[in-house]
């Protein structure tokens, strides 16, 4: 039985073969979902393919920041990201 999940941006999933990925974009007009695997590879799926996937809800891997070559400042972990806004414009 295929488990259907909505392609919510930021949600992590694991496929039946053990691959982990995050939904990074969803375009309802084009009926596409863009995913990024834990190794950094990006793939665009059409909605039909997405609905055929047997997915389990997952959690980010511990080494995701390393695999995506990000540091804490890139994703707002360090401090409040609102502090970086220029409100004087």
Protein backbone atom coordinates (compact mmCIF):
# COMPACT_ATOMS: atom_id res chain seq x y z
CA UNK A 1 0.00 0.00 0.00
CA UNK A 2 1.36 3.41 -0.99
CA UNK A 3 1.38 6.02 1.78
CA UNK A 4 0.47 9.43 0.37
CA UNK A 5 1.98 12.56 1.85
CA UNK A 6 1.49 16.17 0.86
CA UNK A 7 4.64 17.78 -0.59
CA UNK A 8 5.04 20.38 2.16
CA UNK A 9 8.13 22.54 1.75
CA UNK A 10 10.64 21.73 4.48
CA UNK A 11 9.20 18.27 5.16
CA UNK A 12 11.61 15.32 5.17
CA UNK A 13 10.76 11.89 3.80
CA UNK A 14 12.40 8.51 3.38
CA UNK A 15 11.76 6.25 0.39
CA UNK A 16 11.28 2.49 0.61
CA UNK A 17 14.92 2.02 -0.50
CA UNK A 18 16.19 4.23 2.37
CA UNK A 19 16.94 7.48 0.50
CA UNK A 20 16.19 10.61 2.56
CA UNK A 21 15.13 13.91 1.02
CA UNK A 22 13.56 17.26 1.81
CA UNK A 23 10.81 18.97 -0.20
CA UNK A 24 12.36 22.28 -1.30
CA UNK A 25 9.70 23.56 -3.74
CA UNK A 26 6.21 22.76 -4.91
CA UNK A 27 4.45 24.33 -7.89
CA UNK A 28 0.74 23.48 -8.04
CA UNK A 29 0.36 25.31 -11.38
CA UNK A 30 2.97 23.09 -13.06
CA UNK A 31 2.10 20.10 -10.84
CA UNK A 32 5.75 19.60 -9.87
CA UNK A 33 7.63 18.95 -6.65
CA UNK A 34 11.33 19.69 -6.23
CA UNK A 35 13.23 17.58 -3.72
CA UNK A 36 16.79 17.65 -2.40
CA UNK A 37 18.43 14.43 -1.24
CA UNK A 38 20.66 14.34 1.82
CA UNK A 39 23.71 14.20 -0.48
CA UNK A 40 22.70 17.56 -2.02
CA UNK A 41 21.32 16.21 -5.32
CA UNK A 42 18.16 17.96 -6.53
CA UNK A 43 15.37 16.31 -8.49
CA UNK A 44 12.11 17.62 -9.92
CA UNK A 45 9.17 15.22 -9.91
CA UNK A 46 5.80 15.57 -11.58
CA UNK A 47 2.84 15.18 -9.23
CA UNK A 48 1.90 11.82 -10.73
CA UNK A 49 5.33 10.42 -9.82
CA UNK A 50 5.14 12.00 -6.35
CA UNK A 51 1.81 10.28 -5.67
CA UNK A 52 3.26 6.90 -6.69
CA UNK A 53 6.14 7.10 -4.19
CA UNK A 54 5.91 4.92 -1.09
CA UNK A 55 7.15 7.42 1.50
CA UNK A 56 7.58 7.54 5.23
CA UNK A 57 7.79 10.83 7.09
CA UNK A 58 11.40 11.36 8.08
CA UNK A 59 13.64 13.70 9.98
CA UNK A 60 16.69 15.59 8.77
CA UNK A 61 19.90 13.64 9.05
CA UNK A 62 22.47 14.80 11.60
CA UNK A 63 24.98 15.66 8.89
CA UNK A 64 22.62 17.52 6.54
CA UNK A 65 24.34 20.88 7.07
CA UNK A 66 27.67 19.29 6.16
CA UNK A 67 26.33 17.49 3.09
CA UNK A 68 24.72 20.67 1.77
CA UNK A 69 27.85 22.70 2.54
CA UNK A 70 25.93 25.11 4.77
CA UNK A 71 27.03 26.70 7.98
CA UNK A 72 24.94 27.96 10.86
CA UNK A 73 24.68 31.50 9.46
CA UNK A 74 23.18 30.22 6.18
CA UNK A 75 20.04 28.88 7.79
CA UNK A 76 19.43 31.21 10.73
CA UNK A 77 20.43 28.80 13.47
CA UNK A 78 22.85 31.38 14.87
CA UNK A 79 20.72 34.13 16.40
CA UNK A 80 17.48 35.61 15.20
CA UNK A 81 17.25 35.87 11.37
CA UNK A 82 15.06 38.98 11.76
CA UNK A 83 18.06 40.80 13.24
CA UNK A 84 19.60 40.81 9.74
CA UNK A 85 16.76 42.82 8.18
CA UNK A 86 17.49 46.39 7.17
CA UNK A 87 14.42 48.18 8.48
CA UNK A 88 15.73 51.65 7.57
CA UNK A 89 14.90 51.23 3.88
